[in-house]
Every structure is written in C-alpha cells, then in structure tokens.
C-alpha atoms as a PDB file:
ATOM      1  CA  MET A   1      -6.157 -12.143  -4.197  1.00  0.00           C
ATOM      2  CA  TYR A   2      -8.070  -9.466  -6.055  1.00  0.00           C
ATOM      3  CA  THR A   3     -11.814  -9.158  -6.381  1.00  0.00           C
ATOM      4  CA  ILE A   4     -13.198  -7.552  -9.512  1.00  0.00           C
ATOM      5  CA  ASN A   5     -16.763  -6.267  -9.854  1.00  0.00           C
ATOM      6  CA  ILE A   6     -18.401  -4.582 -12.807  1.00  0.00           C
ATOM      7  CA  LYS A   7     -21.133  -2.042 -12.103  1.00  0.00           C
ATOM      8  CA  GLY A   8     -23.415  -0.574 -14.724  1.00  0.00           C
ATOM      9  CA  LYS A   9     -24.959   2.860 -14.374  1.00  0.00           C
ATOM     10  CA  PRO A  10     -27.154   4.804 -16.801  1.00  0.00           C
ATOM     11  CA  ASN A  11     -25.117   7.140 -18.966  1.00  0.00           C
ATOM     12  CA  PRO A  12     -25.887  10.769 -17.989  1.00  0.00           C
ATOM     13  CA  LYS A  13     -26.037  11.855 -21.650  1.00  0.00           C
ATOM     14  CA  ASP A  14     -28.288   8.978 -22.781  1.00  0.00           C
ATOM     15  CA  PRO A  15     -30.184   7.104 -20.030  1.00  0.00           C
ATOM     16  CA  SER A  16     -30.892   4.121 -22.290  1.00  0.00           C
ATOM     17  CA  ILE A  17     -27.154   3.321 -22.541  1.00  0.00           C
ATOM     18  CA  VAL A  18     -25.210   1.683 -19.720  1.00  0.00           C
ATOM     19  CA  LYS A  19     -21.874   3.085 -18.509  1.00  0.00           C
ATOM     20  CA  LEU A  20     -19.664   0.364 -17.041  1.00  0.00           C
ATOM     21  CA  GLU A  21     -17.120   0.687 -14.241  1.00  0.00           C
ATOM     22  CA  MET A  22     -14.726  -2.065 -13.245  1.00  0.00           C
ATOM     23  CA  ILE A  23     -13.879  -1.993  -9.533  1.00  0.00           C
ATOM     24  CA  PHE A  24     -10.710  -3.725  -8.324  1.00  0.00           C
ATOM     25  CA  PHE A  25     -10.152  -4.334  -4.652  1.00  0.00           C
ATOM     26  CA  LYS A  26      -8.069  -6.361  -2.288  1.00  0.00           C
ATOM     27  CA  THR A  27      -8.337  -6.661   1.479  1.00  0.00           C
ATOM     28  CA  ASN A  28      -6.602  -3.768   3.288  1.00  0.00           C
ATOM     29  CA  TYR A  29      -6.045  -1.815   0.053  1.00  0.00           C
ATOM     30  CA  PRO A  30      -8.042   1.077  -1.438  1.00  0.00           C
ATOM     31  CA  ARG A  31     -10.549   0.305  -4.165  1.00  0.00           C
ATOM     32  CA  VAL A  32      -9.610   1.327  -7.686  1.00  0.00           C
ATOM     33  CA  THR A  33     -12.277   2.186 -10.251  1.00  0.00           C
ATOM     34  CA  LYS A  34     -11.692   2.024 -13.996  1.00  0.00           C
ATOM     35  CA  VAL A  35     -14.221   3.128 -16.600  1.00  0.00           C
ATOM     36  CA  VAL A  36     -14.620   0.454 -19.265  1.00  0.00           C
ATOM     37  CA  ASN A  37     -15.008   1.546 -22.899  1.00  0.00           C
ATOM     38  CA  VAL A  38     -17.779  -0.969 -23.585  1.00  0.00           C
ATOM     39  CA  SER A  39     -21.319   0.310 -23.886  1.00  0.00           C
ATOM     40  CA  GLY A  40     -24.674  -1.209 -24.651  1.00  0.00           C
ATOM     41  CA  LEU A  41     -28.340  -0.894 -23.905  1.00  0.00           C
ATOM     42  CA  LEU A  42     -29.234  -0.606 -20.250  1.00  0.00           C
ATOM     43  CA  ALA A  43     -32.025  -3.151 -20.816  1.00  0.00           C
ATOM     44  CA  ASP A  44     -29.433  -5.750 -21.964  1.00  0.00           C
ATOM     45  CA  TRP A  45     -27.216  -5.339 -18.870  1.00  0.00           C
ATOM     46  CA  ASP A  46     -27.642  -7.967 -16.139  1.00  0.00           C
ATOM     47  CA  ALA A  47     -26.292  -6.586 -12.859  1.00  0.00           C
ATOM     48  CA  LYS A  48     -26.502  -9.923 -11.056  1.00  0.00           C
ATOM     49  CA  SER A  49     -24.229 -11.768 -13.491  1.00  0.00           C
ATOM     50  CA  GLN A  50     -22.247  -8.578 -14.293  1.00  0.00           C
ATOM     51  CA  SER A  51     -22.506  -9.170 -18.037  1.00  0.00           C
ATOM     52  CA  PHE A  52     -24.722  -8.491 -21.017  1.00  0.00           C
ATOM     53  CA  ARG A  53     -27.599 -10.888 -21.613  1.00  0.00           C
ATOM     54  CA  VAL A  54     -26.614 -13.346 -24.309  1.00  0.00           C
ATOM     55  CA  GLY A  55     -28.911 -13.220 -27.299  1.00  0.00           C
ATOM     56  CA  SER A  56     -26.754 -11.879 -30.077  1.00  0.00           C
ATOM     57  CA  ALA A  57     -23.217 -12.065 -31.371  1.00  0.00           C
ATOM     58  CA  GLU A  58     -22.719  -8.461 -30.272  1.00  0.00           C
ATOM     59  CA  ALA A  59     -23.516  -9.292 -26.629  1.00  0.00           C
ATOM     60  CA  THR A  60     -21.133 -12.249 -26.717  1.00  0.00           C
ATOM     61  CA  ALA A  61     -18.358 -10.048 -28.119  1.00  0.00           C
ATOM     62  CA  LYS A  62     -18.959  -7.407 -25.423  1.00  0.00           C
ATOM     63  CA  ASN A  63     -18.826 -10.040 -22.680  1.00  0.00           C
ATOM     64  CA  LYS A  64     -15.481 -11.261 -24.040  1.00  0.00           C
ATOM     65  CA  LEU A  65     -14.172  -7.678 -23.916  1.00  0.00           C
ATOM     66  CA  LEU A  66     -15.225  -7.445 -20.276  1.00  0.00           C
ATOM     67  CA  LEU A  67     -13.525 -10.719 -19.356  1.00  0.00           C
ATOM     68  CA  ARG A  68     -10.184  -9.865 -20.957  1.00  0.00           C
ATOM     69  CA  PRO A  69      -9.028  -7.293 -18.326  1.00  0.00           C
ATOM     70  CA  GLN A  70     -10.340  -9.492 -15.513  1.00  0.00           C
ATOM     71  CA  ASN A  71      -8.298 -12.447 -16.717  1.00  0.00           C
ATOM     72  CA  GLN A  72      -5.172 -10.300 -17.124  1.00  0.00           C
ATOM     73  CA  ILE A  73      -5.380  -8.942 -13.578  1.00  0.00           C
ATOM     74  CA  LEU A  74      -6.192 -12.297 -11.995  1.00  0.00           C
ATOM     75  CA  SER A  75      -3.385 -14.093 -13.852  1.00  0.00           C
ATOM     76  CA  GLN A  76      -0.822 -11.558 -12.550  1.00  0.00           C
ATOM     77  CA  SER A  77      -1.721 -12.040  -8.893  1.00  0.00           C
END
C-alpha cells in the first residue's frame, strides 16, 4: 500500500506563494517526489491537513485537484 504526503514550501521566486510537492512512498521502495502544478498563498496552506484552508470556491477547487492524483494512485494499488 502506498502512502502519499503533500508538502508545501515557499516558492523561491515569490515567498508568499506555496510550491507543492507530492511524495509517494511504499515500504522497502525509494520515495518518489512529484511537483504539483497547483499554487496558492502560503498563508492559505495548512501543512497539518495537507490542503488549502477552505474559505472560498478557489480553495475548494484546488483541494479537489490535489485529491485527484491521490485517488488515482490509491485505486491502482
């Protein structure tokens, strides 16, 4: 079974924007990192829940974009 984590880091070009990386790993296999093409304000990113704070339709749409690859990977395993 895979484990998928999303980590947000400040974008080097604009520190107020978050750069997201999706990390896939499975026991006894190397970790694979994929940069996600979803960006938003660093202040809106919640690292604990690994999603954007819900408060607008834009945040909800971004969270759906983040869940789509996770669901695809988990449904294949």
